[in-house]
N, C-alpha and C. Protein backbone atom coordinates (compact mmCIF):
# COMPACT_ATOMS: atom_id res chain seq x y z
N MET A 1 0.98 -0.89 -0.14
CA MET A 1 -0.08 0.12 -0.02
C MET A 1 0.81 1.22 0.01
N HIS A 2 0.20 2.13 -0.37
CA HIS A 2 1.15 3.45 -0.38
C HIS A 2 -0.30 4.51 -0.73
N VAL A 3 0.30 5.45 0.24
CA VAL A 3 -0.48 7.04 0.64
C VAL A 3 0.58 8.33 -0.48
N GLY A 4 0.28 8.76 -0.64
CA GLY A 4 0.50 9.82 -1.92
C GLY A 4 -0.48 11.23 -2.27
N GLU A 5 -0.35 11.48 -3.32
CA GLU A 5 -1.31 12.76 -3.51
C GLU A 5 -1.40 12.62 -5.30
N LEU A 6 -2.43 12.97 -6.06
CA LEU A 6 -3.08 12.89 -7.29
C LEU A 6 -3.27 14.17 -7.97
N GLY A 7 -2.86 14.79 -7.86
CA GLY A 7 -3.95 16.29 -8.02
C GLY A 7 -3.97 17.46 -7.19
N GLY A 8 -2.96 17.12 -6.29
CA GLY A 8 -3.10 17.85 -4.89
C GLY A 8 -3.97 16.84 -4.16
N GLU A 9 -4.90 15.62 -4.40
CA GLU A 9 -5.51 15.63 -3.37
C GLU A 9 -4.70 13.86 -2.88
N GLU A 10 -5.04 13.76 -1.37
CA GLU A 10 -4.42 12.49 -1.15
C GLU A 10 -4.95 11.12 -1.60
N VAL A 11 -4.00 9.94 -1.72
CA VAL A 11 -5.11 9.56 -1.84
C VAL A 11 -4.59 7.86 -1.32
N LEU A 12 -5.08 6.98 -1.23
CA LEU A 12 -4.50 5.74 -0.74
C LEU A 12 -4.39 4.05 -1.99
N VAL A 13 -3.50 3.78 -2.64
CA VAL A 13 -3.17 2.65 -3.24
C VAL A 13 -2.60 1.75 -2.83
N VAL A 14 -3.90 0.56 -2.86
CA VAL A 14 -3.70 -0.87 -2.40
C VAL A 14 -3.84 -1.19 -3.53
N THR A 15 -3.01 -2.58 -3.62
CA THR A 15 -2.36 -3.95 -4.80
C THR A 15 -3.02 -5.05 -4.15
N ASP A 16 -3.41 -6.21 -4.53
CA ASP A 16 -3.56 -7.45 -4.62
C ASP A 16 -2.70 -8.52 -5.35
N ASP A 17 -2.35 -9.89 -4.55
CA ASP A 17 -1.51 -11.03 -5.00
C ASP A 17 -2.33 -10.96 -6.52
N SER A 18 -3.30 -10.51 -7.43
CA SER A 18 -4.19 -11.23 -8.26
C SER A 18 -3.96 -9.80 -9.71
N GLY A 19 -2.70 -8.85 -9.16
CA GLY A 19 -2.59 -7.69 -10.34
C GLY A 19 -3.74 -6.61 -9.72
N HIS A 20 -4.63 -6.95 -9.19
CA HIS A 20 -5.35 -5.79 -8.92
C HIS A 20 -5.27 -4.62 -8.50
N ALA A 21 -5.38 -2.93 -8.72
CA ALA A 21 -4.85 -1.74 -7.67
C ALA A 21 -5.71 -0.95 -7.61
N GLU A 22 -6.25 -0.58 -6.37
CA GLU A 22 -7.32 0.67 -6.86
C GLU A 22 -6.66 1.76 -5.90
N VAL A 23 -7.24 3.07 -6.32
CA VAL A 23 -6.61 4.13 -5.78
C VAL A 23 -7.81 5.06 -4.90
N TYR A 24 -7.74 5.27 -4.05
CA TYR A 24 -9.12 5.73 -2.98
C TYR A 24 -8.73 7.09 -3.01
N PHE A 25 -9.14 8.05 -2.86
CA PHE A 25 -9.26 9.72 -2.32
C PHE A 25 -9.76 9.76 -0.95
N THR A 26 -9.09 9.73 -0.05
CA THR A 26 -9.21 9.96 1.27
C THR A 26 -10.10 11.01 1.77
N SER A 27 -10.55 11.95 0.88
CA SER A 27 -11.30 12.51 1.48
C SER A 27 -12.32 12.32 1.42
N ASP A 28 -12.56 11.55 0.58
CA ASP A 28 -13.91 11.05 0.47
C ASP A 28 -13.89 9.27 -0.01
N PHE A 29 -13.83 8.10 0.69
CA PHE A 29 -14.06 6.86 0.81
C PHE A 29 -15.22 6.37 0.14
N LYS A 30 -16.38 7.23 0.27
CA LYS A 30 -17.60 6.52 -1.02
C LYS A 30 -17.32 6.87 -2.14
N ARG A 31 -16.00 7.58 -2.95
CA ARG A 31 -16.23 8.24 -4.24
C ARG A 31 -15.18 6.76 -4.74
N THR A 32 -16.26 6.39 -6.05
CA THR A 32 -15.32 5.24 -6.30
C THR A 32 -14.09 5.44 -7.02
N PRO A 33 -13.30 4.27 -6.46
CA PRO A 33 -12.31 4.28 -6.69
C PRO A 33 -11.21 3.72 -7.96
N LEU A 34 -10.16 4.39 -8.35
CA LEU A 34 -9.98 4.63 -9.40
C LEU A 34 -9.18 3.20 -9.53
N THR A 35 -9.84 1.87 -10.67
CA THR A 35 -8.81 0.44 -11.16
C THR A 35 -7.42 0.56 -11.75
N PHE A 36 -6.94 -0.46 -11.74
CA PHE A 36 -6.18 -0.48 -12.60
C PHE A 36 -5.58 -2.79 -12.48
N LYS A 37 -5.18 -2.72 -13.94
CA LYS A 37 -5.17 -4.58 -13.78
C LYS A 37 -3.34 -4.32 -14.10
N LEU A 38 -2.91 -5.24 -13.62
CA LEU A 38 -1.40 -5.45 -13.71
C LEU A 38 -1.56 -7.14 -14.20
N PRO A 39 -0.41 -8.19 -14.69
CA PRO A 39 -0.34 -8.82 -15.40
C PRO A 39 -0.18 -10.16 -13.65
N MET A 40 -0.15 -9.45 -13.13
CA MET A 40 0.57 -10.28 -12.10
C MET A 40 0.44 -9.80 -10.27
N SER A 41 0.53 -10.57 -9.31
CA SER A 41 1.27 -9.18 -8.29
C SER A 41 1.93 -8.42 -8.08
N ALA A 42 1.19 -7.15 -7.71
CA ALA A 42 1.78 -5.75 -7.62
C ALA A 42 3.03 -5.91 -6.52
N TRP A 43 4.21 -5.33 -6.46
CA TRP A 43 4.53 -5.12 -5.47
C TRP A 43 4.97 -3.35 -5.61
N GLY A 44 5.42 -2.27 -5.71
CA GLY A 44 5.84 -1.59 -5.77
C GLY A 44 5.01 -0.42 -6.33
N ILE A 45 4.94 0.59 -5.43
CA ILE A 45 3.94 1.86 -5.49
C ILE A 45 4.47 2.89 -4.95
N ASP A 46 4.35 4.02 -6.27
CA ASP A 46 4.64 5.73 -5.72
C ASP A 46 3.98 6.40 -6.91
N THR A 47 3.67 7.57 -6.25
CA THR A 47 2.69 8.53 -6.77
C THR A 47 3.36 9.86 -7.75
N HIS A 48 2.94 10.69 -8.49
CA HIS A 48 3.55 11.88 -8.53
C HIS A 48 2.05 12.67 -8.50
N SER A 49 2.19 13.58 -7.95
CA SER A 49 1.07 14.54 -7.54
C SER A 49 0.24 15.88 -8.37
N ASP A 50 1.87 16.29 -9.17
CA ASP A 50 1.35 17.27 -10.25
C ASP A 50 1.09 16.82 -11.40
N LYS A 51 1.63 15.66 -12.01
CA LYS A 51 1.84 15.02 -13.06
C LYS A 51 0.99 13.91 -13.21
N ARG A 52 0.37 13.46 -12.17
CA ARG A 52 -0.91 12.72 -11.80
C ARG A 52 -0.95 11.17 -12.97
N LEU A 53 0.24 10.31 -11.73
CA LEU A 53 1.01 9.50 -12.29
C LEU A 53 1.20 8.47 -10.85
N VAL A 54 1.01 7.44 -11.67
CA VAL A 54 0.77 5.75 -10.75
C VAL A 54 1.99 5.59 -11.13
N ALA A 55 2.49 4.84 -10.74
CA ALA A 55 3.54 3.38 -11.43
C ALA A 55 3.64 2.67 -10.27
N ILE A 56 3.23 1.81 -10.68
CA ILE A 56 3.02 0.13 -10.14
C ILE A 56 4.16 -1.06 -10.92
N SER A 57 4.35 -1.49 -9.86
CA SER A 57 5.60 -2.50 -10.77
C SER A 57 4.88 -4.38 -9.88
N CYS A 58 5.48 -5.21 -10.54
CA CYS A 58 4.72 -6.57 -10.67
C CYS A 58 5.61 -7.54 -10.81
N ASN A 59 4.97 -8.65 -10.45
CA ASN A 59 5.65 -10.20 -10.79
C ASN A 59 5.89 -10.35 -11.41
N ALA A 60 5.50 -9.71 -12.79
CA ALA A 60 5.86 -9.88 -14.38
C ALA A 60 6.99 -9.62 -14.86
N HIS A 61 8.00 -8.56 -13.43
CA HIS A 61 9.03 -7.78 -13.77
C HIS A 61 8.77 -7.03 -15.04
N ILE A 62 7.63 -6.07 -15.02
CA ILE A 62 7.33 -4.87 -15.16
C ILE A 62 6.81 -4.00 -14.40
N VAL A 63 7.04 -2.52 -14.89
CA VAL A 63 7.06 -1.69 -14.33
C VAL A 63 5.75 -0.79 -14.89
N THR A 64 4.67 -0.32 -14.64
CA THR A 64 3.27 0.37 -15.39
C THR A 64 3.50 2.01 -14.92
N ILE A 65 3.18 2.38 -15.70
CA ILE A 65 3.25 4.06 -15.35
C ILE A 65 2.13 4.04 -15.77
N PHE A 66 0.82 4.21 -14.92
CA PHE A 66 -0.42 5.04 -15.19
C PHE A 66 -0.65 6.44 -14.94
N HIS A 67 -1.56 7.18 -16.28
CA HIS A 67 -1.64 8.85 -16.02
C HIS A 67 -2.85 9.06 -15.69
N VAL A 68 -3.65 9.60 -14.69
CA VAL A 68 -4.68 9.94 -14.60
C VAL A 68 -5.66 11.15 -14.67
N GLY A 69 -4.61 12.04 -15.56
CA GLY A 69 -5.38 13.48 -15.84
C GLY A 69 -5.87 13.41 -17.24
N PHE A 70 -5.49 14.24 -18.23
CA PHE A 70 -6.19 14.92 -19.26
C PHE A 70 -5.69 14.75 -20.75
N GLY A 71 -3.90 14.69 -20.34
CA GLY A 71 -2.64 13.97 -20.99
C GLY A 71 -1.89 15.14 -20.39
N LEU A 72 -0.62 15.05 -20.80
CA LEU A 72 0.45 16.18 -20.45
C LEU A 72 1.51 16.13 -21.77
N GLU A 73 1.40 17.89 -21.93
CA GLU A 73 1.62 18.60 -23.38
C GLU A 73 3.25 17.39 -23.78
N GLY A 74 3.48 16.98 -25.29
CA GLY A 74 4.56 16.50 -25.42
C GLY A 74 4.59 14.59 -24.61
N TRP A 75 3.89 14.44 -23.96
CA TRP A 75 3.64 13.26 -23.29
C TRP A 75 3.00 11.75 -24.35
N ASP A 76 2.94 11.65 -25.30
CA ASP A 76 2.05 11.13 -26.86
C ASP A 76 1.61 10.01 -25.65
N TRP A 77 2.10 9.46 -25.07
CA TRP A 77 1.55 8.12 -24.23
C TRP A 77 -0.16 8.68 -23.47
N THR A 78 0.20 9.82 -22.87
CA THR A 78 -0.47 10.27 -21.54
C THR A 78 -2.10 10.57 -22.39
N ALA A 79 -2.07 10.88 -23.59
CA ALA A 79 -3.56 11.22 -24.08
C ALA A 79 -3.85 9.89 -25.47
N ARG A 80 -3.21 9.12 -25.19
CA ARG A 80 -3.70 8.05 -26.11
C ARG A 80 -5.30 6.92 -25.55
N THR A 81 -6.13 7.11 -26.43
CA THR A 81 -7.31 6.15 -25.96
C THR A 81 -6.66 5.21 -24.44
N PRO A 82 -6.87 4.83 -23.81
CA PRO A 82 -6.85 3.38 -22.94
C PRO A 82 -6.54 2.56 -24.08
N GLU A 83 -6.07 1.32 -24.09
CA GLU A 83 -6.53 -0.11 -24.41
C GLU A 83 -7.41 -0.86 -23.89
N GLU A 84 -8.10 -1.50 -24.92
CA GLU A 84 -9.53 -2.25 -24.24
C GLU A 84 -9.41 -2.98 -23.18
N GLY A 85 -10.33 -2.63 -21.92
CA GLY A 85 -10.15 -3.36 -20.79
C GLY A 85 -9.01 -2.74 -19.64
N ASP A 86 -8.75 -1.04 -19.86
CA ASP A 86 -7.42 -0.61 -19.17
C ASP A 86 -9.20 0.78 -19.30
N SER A 87 -8.28 1.16 -17.91
CA SER A 87 -9.39 2.42 -17.38
C SER A 87 -8.20 3.63 -17.77
N HIS A 88 -7.61 3.64 -18.12
CA HIS A 88 -6.62 5.21 -18.09
C HIS A 88 -5.43 5.11 -19.27
N PRO A 89 -4.61 5.57 -19.60
CA PRO A 89 -3.66 5.34 -20.74
C PRO A 89 -2.72 4.65 -19.89
N LYS A 90 -1.51 4.31 -20.68
CA LYS A 90 -0.18 3.34 -19.57
C LYS A 90 0.90 2.96 -20.58
N ILE A 91 1.89 3.02 -19.93
CA ILE A 91 3.17 2.44 -20.82
C ILE A 91 4.01 1.61 -19.63
N GLU A 92 4.61 0.69 -20.56
CA GLU A 92 5.19 -0.17 -19.66
C GLU A 92 6.57 -0.27 -19.93
N LEU A 93 7.33 -0.14 -18.61
CA LEU A 93 8.79 -0.45 -18.32
C LEU A 93 9.26 -2.31 -18.78
N MET A 94 10.13 -2.75 -19.16
CA MET A 94 10.50 -3.66 -19.45
C MET A 94 12.35 -3.56 -19.29
N GLN A 95 12.57 -4.12 -18.12
CA GLN A 95 14.49 -4.07 -18.35
C GLN A 95 14.74 -5.28 -17.29
N HIS A 96 13.57 -5.39 -16.30
CA HIS A 96 14.31 -6.59 -15.07
C HIS A 96 14.29 -7.76 -15.15
N GLN A 97 14.96 -8.69 -14.70
CA GLN A 97 14.55 -10.19 -15.30
C GLN A 97 14.15 -10.77 -13.64
N GLU A 98 13.52 -10.22 -12.34
CA GLU A 98 13.47 -10.83 -11.28
C GLU A 98 12.34 -9.65 -11.00
N ASN A 99 11.79 -9.73 -9.76
CA ASN A 99 10.53 -9.14 -8.99
C ASN A 99 10.83 -7.34 -8.89
N ILE A 100 10.11 -6.74 -8.92
CA ILE A 100 10.68 -6.02 -8.33
C ILE A 100 9.30 -4.70 -7.22
N PRO A 101 10.27 -4.91 -6.32
CA PRO A 101 9.65 -4.33 -5.40
C PRO A 101 10.08 -3.27 -4.81
N CYS A 102 9.94 -2.21 -5.85
CA CYS A 102 10.49 -0.78 -5.37
C CYS A 102 10.39 0.02 -6.54
N VAL A 103 9.87 1.23 -6.80
CA VAL A 103 9.27 2.18 -7.67
C VAL A 103 9.36 3.55 -6.41
N ALA A 104 9.73 4.85 -7.55
CA ALA A 104 10.03 5.72 -6.93
C ALA A 104 10.59 7.21 -8.48
N PHE A 105 9.11 7.60 -7.97
CA PHE A 105 9.71 9.12 -9.24
C PHE A 105 10.74 10.28 -8.44
N ASP A 106 10.98 10.73 -9.03
CA ASP A 106 12.20 12.16 -9.26
C ASP A 106 11.05 13.23 -8.79
N ALA A 107 11.60 14.42 -7.95
CA ALA A 107 10.77 15.54 -7.33
C ALA A 107 9.46 16.00 -9.03
N SER A 108 10.29 16.01 -10.08
CA SER A 108 9.70 16.57 -11.16
C SER A 108 8.29 15.70 -11.99
N GLY A 109 9.32 14.19 -11.87
CA GLY A 109 8.17 13.64 -12.08
C GLY A 109 8.49 12.92 -13.66
N ASN A 110 9.57 13.26 -13.97
CA ASN A 110 10.00 13.06 -15.54
C ASN A 110 10.72 11.29 -15.77
N TYR A 111 11.34 11.54 -14.11
CA TYR A 111 12.36 10.34 -13.56
C TYR A 111 11.94 8.83 -13.25
N LEU A 112 11.66 8.10 -13.74
CA LEU A 112 11.50 7.08 -12.23
C LEU A 112 12.44 5.88 -12.51
N ILE A 113 12.61 5.27 -10.99
CA ILE A 113 13.60 4.49 -10.62
C ILE A 113 12.83 3.41 -10.27
N SER A 114 13.80 1.92 -10.60
CA SER A 114 12.88 0.65 -10.10
C SER A 114 13.73 0.56 -9.58
N GLY A 115 13.95 -0.87 -8.84
CA GLY A 115 14.96 -1.62 -8.03
C GLY A 115 14.33 -2.89 -7.78
N GLY A 116 14.90 -3.91 -8.39
CA GLY A 116 14.71 -5.45 -8.33
C GLY A 116 15.41 -6.35 -7.57
N LEU A 117 14.77 -7.71 -7.50
CA LEU A 117 15.48 -8.61 -6.68
C LEU A 117 17.01 -8.98 -7.47
N ASP A 118 16.82 -8.68 -8.74
CA ASP A 118 17.79 -8.45 -9.77
C ASP A 118 19.56 -8.28 -9.65
N TYR A 119 19.03 -7.53 -8.65
CA TYR A 119 20.15 -6.35 -8.13
C TYR A 119 20.24 -5.22 -8.67
N LEU A 120 19.11 -4.98 -9.64
CA LEU A 120 19.24 -3.48 -10.57
C LEU A 120 18.69 -2.81 -10.06
N VAL A 121 19.10 -1.28 -10.23
CA VAL A 121 18.65 -0.09 -10.45
C VAL A 121 18.25 0.14 -11.44
N CYS A 122 17.26 0.21 -12.24
CA CYS A 122 17.24 1.03 -13.07
C CYS A 122 16.71 2.61 -13.56
N PHE A 123 16.94 3.31 -14.48
CA PHE A 123 16.76 4.87 -13.82
C PHE A 123 15.81 5.16 -15.59
N TRP A 124 14.29 5.58 -15.26
CA TRP A 124 13.62 5.39 -16.99
C TRP A 124 12.77 6.62 -17.23
N ASP A 125 12.86 7.10 -18.33
CA ASP A 125 12.28 8.60 -18.46
C ASP A 125 10.57 8.30 -18.83
N CYS A 126 9.83 9.12 -17.86
CA CYS A 126 8.87 8.68 -17.75
C CYS A 126 8.06 9.93 -18.70
N GLN A 127 8.46 10.22 -19.71
CA GLN A 127 8.08 10.37 -20.65
C GLN A 127 7.78 10.08 -22.16
N THR A 128 9.01 8.96 -21.99
CA THR A 128 8.79 8.22 -23.33
C THR A 128 8.69 6.56 -23.47
N GLY A 129 9.27 6.68 -21.56
CA GLY A 129 9.49 5.27 -21.33
C GLY A 129 10.48 4.39 -21.46
N GLN A 130 11.62 5.45 -22.11
CA GLN A 130 13.31 4.72 -22.24
C GLN A 130 13.85 4.71 -21.12
N PHE A 131 14.05 3.31 -21.42
CA PHE A 131 15.35 3.00 -20.61
C PHE A 131 16.56 3.69 -20.63
N ILE A 132 16.83 4.48 -19.23
CA ILE A 132 18.24 5.10 -19.60
C ILE A 132 19.35 4.77 -18.95
N LYS A 133 19.50 4.34 -17.93
CA LYS A 133 20.91 3.37 -17.67
C LYS A 133 20.27 2.40 -16.30
N LYS A 134 20.91 1.31 -16.32
CA LYS A 134 21.22 0.49 -15.08
C LYS A 134 22.72 0.65 -14.11
N ILE A 135 21.74 0.40 -12.73
CA ILE A 135 23.54 0.20 -11.99
C ILE A 135 22.84 -1.21 -10.99
N GLU A 136 24.21 -2.09 -11.24
CA GLU A 136 23.73 -2.92 -10.49
C GLU A 136 24.67 -3.35 -9.65
N ASP A 137 24.24 -4.00 -8.50
CA ASP A 137 25.16 -4.09 -7.30
C ASP A 137 24.75 -5.43 -6.35
N THR A 138 25.29 -6.71 -6.90
CA THR A 138 25.32 -8.07 -6.50
C THR A 138 25.62 -7.79 -5.25
N ASN A 139 25.53 -7.20 -4.47
CA ASN A 139 26.12 -7.23 -2.73
C ASN A 139 24.28 -7.05 -2.11
N THR A 140 23.29 -6.45 -2.46
CA THR A 140 22.45 -5.98 -2.08
C THR A 140 21.38 -5.62 -2.71
N TYR A 141 20.11 -6.54 -2.33
CA TYR A 141 18.55 -6.05 -2.90
C TYR A 141 18.81 -4.21 -3.06
N ASN A 142 17.96 -3.98 -3.82
CA ASN A 142 17.54 -2.34 -4.20
C ASN A 142 16.39 -2.56 -3.23
N PHE A 143 16.18 -1.86 -2.55
CA PHE A 143 14.98 -1.49 -1.46
C PHE A 143 14.98 0.14 -1.25
N PHE A 144 14.10 0.94 -1.45
CA PHE A 144 14.32 2.14 -1.39
C PHE A 144 12.54 2.70 -1.62
N SER A 145 12.34 3.75 -0.93
CA SER A 145 11.08 4.67 -1.59
C SER A 145 11.42 6.13 -1.62
N GLN A 146 10.31 7.26 -2.34
CA GLN A 146 10.44 7.90 -2.38
C GLN A 146 11.57 8.55 -3.51
N GLY A 147 10.82 9.17 -4.53
CA GLY A 147 11.61 9.63 -5.71
C GLY A 147 12.77 10.83 -5.39
N SER A 148 12.79 11.76 -4.52
CA SER A 148 14.05 12.18 -4.45
C SER A 148 15.85 11.50 -4.12
N LEU A 149 15.24 10.01 -4.14
CA LEU A 149 16.05 9.68 -3.74
C LEU A 149 17.03 9.07 -5.55
N THR A 150 15.99 9.24 -6.44
CA THR A 150 16.80 9.09 -8.05
C THR A 150 18.01 9.67 -8.45
N PHE A 151 18.05 11.41 -7.98
CA PHE A 151 19.69 11.56 -8.44
C PHE A 151 20.25 11.53 -7.08
N LYS A 152 19.74 11.47 -6.38
CA LYS A 152 21.03 11.66 -4.85
C LYS A 152 21.87 10.03 -5.34
N TYR A 153 21.15 8.95 -5.42
CA TYR A 153 21.96 7.93 -5.84
C TYR A 153 22.96 7.93 -7.09
N LEU A 154 22.86 9.00 -7.88
CA LEU A 154 23.85 9.34 -8.69
C LEU A 154 24.84 10.52 -8.55
N GLY A 155 24.91 10.75 -7.73
CA GLY A 155 25.24 12.12 -7.07
C GLY A 155 24.60 13.58 -8.11
N GLY A 156 23.33 13.33 -8.47
CA GLY A 156 22.89 14.27 -9.00
C GLY A 156 22.32 14.10 -10.60
N GLU A 157 22.88 13.32 -11.04
CA GLU A 157 23.05 13.20 -12.62
C GLU A 157 22.43 11.73 -12.59
N ILE A 158 21.33 12.10 -13.47
CA ILE A 158 20.55 10.79 -14.42
C ILE A 158 21.18 10.52 -15.61
N ARG A 159 22.45 10.85 -16.76
CA ARG A 159 22.65 10.76 -17.69
C ARG A 159 23.90 10.30 -17.30
C-alpha cells in the first residue's frame, strides 16, 4: 500500500496478489476508486501529484506507469485512448529479470527509478518510457522509497 497525492488530493493506493490495484481518495472513501489491472501481483507503488502519475511494479517483471489526468503536453502516451480493458493510458517499462519491489518518481515526475531482486537499479524517462541506465550491485537488494533518491543515488546526475 502507498499513501501519496494525485492532483493535490491525498490518495491511498492498494494492490493485491491477483494484479488488481485501486486508488482511493481519502477525503471521500465513498467516491468510486480508480482501478488498474496488472499482469500479476503488484509490489512497488509511487505517485506523482502534479503529473497525476501512478507507477506500479508487478511480479511479471514489469513497471507500469498510469496517467490519470487529461494528458501531458509532449507526452504522447498520456493522451492515448486506453487499451481495451484498461481505464487509463499507460506505458510499460521492461528491463528487470526478477520481481521489482521498489519504484519511485523523482521530484519532477520526469524520471522513475526501479529496484529489483535481480540486483538492478534502473532509471527511466517517464515521458518516453525509454530505459536510461542501470546500476548493478550484486551485494545488496535494492529497496528504497520516495523519488528524491533518484538524483541522490547518482550524485545529482541521471545521464
